């Protein structure tokens, strides 16, 4: 079809071109039908970088005329699928991931494996928008509507439209020209701002019905929202904003830093211990709860960041009363066990002299060494492909000098700051075809945190990128020596992949490579030990090296200048700061898939807070009678993964989508603040006929899903 279009639509038409077009169509159709197992063929009136056919009916008539015994019609993909299924025979069954490099060289026959690591800032912007929309705006707007609050639906659709406009393949893949991706960042900004404001509006309206715990000035209430459907008790980090005239301050000795003295109380009055992590002595910002013009209210004061163990309700919020204290609140003890080590009940961490991490899984007695190793090498490719250089010499952080600091040191959280400075080539020498002789400093700063009760190590790595034409990877030797496969998270699946590369691809057009895409996590284990890398967003390219240590690798950035149709551009070089947030979770036996995926959601979502009192940032007063600890929807068992909670596209009620990440049937129970009157399984498009076992028992929703099954529920209320 493309060959025929080139003959007829490029340049002046001649009888010879018409005949070549007919012959191109005839040869292609005969070839495809001859090698297939059916009699229905689809010619796509669509191609990368090509407009639709100028005269589609003419091509339909030409096919009919050129191919004896062939009936041609202008149709749709659904009609083609139905026709193909009806007339197919001996259809082969393929199981597993349909991901294979190209065997033969052809202009449009490519796997193109390295798009996931192109323009990581853009990937992070997309992930931020999706997290805000999927985990915050959609569910909170749905429950706000059920509570009788009407928020303009157009804003939510505008936010999604901006995100989806960026999902054209060469756009989200990061392999177009700089201007395309600059336009995308504007759309992501619009989507982010809309989603954030919608979340805050719904949060403010829902909490306005709750009681304010403050008894008298200057007390105020801080309310912490949890968007995840599981109730949990854990150490969380959240901000508290104080007015400038807070009446109680304390300083150690004569001239130490003045610190606000305060205590935290939930609704039952039992004091909540906390660890003070950070103080921003003065801040000013525009309102979080959008108000413009008359009545506009911003916020200013001092922002304190604390860590405290709280009971968080499933998809809901809990409140604390902030009250002045006569004396500064101190805490004894720390998770820190030595100058560069820390331990809780599950994990022990130690920072080595070269900045690598030693992680001990106390529950299973496994030790992981040389974690947080970095590797820097040449990059001469583009948005589609990593381009290696034969003359390259990779630079490893192993054996280098690391500077270790202690940022947080207390009973709730310990954070080490690990700074590495790699001496690497400044850029690629395109004449000598090797990295240049000029050297530059690649600065890497990682904040490694351990919290009380945590089963993961939290890491935030900031890349201060002043180097060009290079690829930076994180290396995590797992020592799961007997592992032959690993797991990679993809939409509604944990895909199992072989670690060893296929030797048959050695002489193919594309050879299989270890680098492959993942969504939020990848994990490798051999039964005795395993390690999962869980990302908050951004890095989406990883894999396991087929070496003795089963080294997990994650591409943090690819700095490239080559873009299609240009002499080279600058944005793909990714200069400046790039922040990657992730967690490391050791395990033994099979990967606890639901637990790991919940950790991924926790990283992606974070928390949200609002306050009453003089630094309310525009939020409405909390003057209702609803309990301060309130769940909108709680998932009791945690065996299934909830991927969507939203308003129906048509009608009233609530849509909840779940999926089963395991290999066996799994069940779960949903308890809602408002008692449902009916529930049924629907299709993905929210029409009747969905799969899954669903029942409403004593006001709770019970659902069972087969392995890897997606179940979409439509829940009705009075």
Foldseek 3Di string as FASTA:
>chain_A
DVQLLCLPPPDDHDPVSNVSSLVVLQVVQCVVCVPFQFDADDDDQDDPPDDGRPDVVVVQVSNPVSHPPDHGDDDDPVVSVVRRVVTGDPDDDDDFDPQDAFFADDPPRGSLFQLLFFPLVLFQLLLLLCLLLFQFLFFLQQVLVVVPDDDDPVLSVLLVVLSVVQVDPCRSSNFFDPVSVVSSVVSSVSSNVSSQLSRQQSQLSVLLQAAWLDDDPPKKKKKWFDSAQAWDWAKAKDKDFDAAPQPAWDAPDDDGDIDFAKWKAFPVGDTWDKFWQDKDQKDWDFFSNDDDDPPGDTFMGMMIMIITTDTAHGRGMFMIMIGGDNDHDDADDWQADDPAWGDAPAWIWGQDQLGWIWIAGVVQGDIFTRFFKKKKKFAADGSRDGDHFPQMDIWISPPFGWDKDWRGTHQFKTKIKIKGWTWAQQHCDPVVRYRDPHTDIWIKIKIWMDGHPDQKIKIKIKTQDRGARMWMKGKTQFQLQQWQWKWAADVLETGIDGQDFDPVQPNGPDGDDFKHFHDFKIKIHNQSKIKMKGWLIRWGIWGFHNDRRRMIMTTNHGHYFDHPPDPTHHVSRVHGMDMTIIIMGMDHGDPPVLVRVVVNSCSNNGMDMAMDRDRRSPRDHNHHHPHSRDHAKHKHPSQWAWRRWRAQPDDGFIKIKIWGHDQAKDKIKMAGPAQFPDKDWDDPNRHPDHDWDWDQDPRMIMTIAGHSGMTMMGTHHD
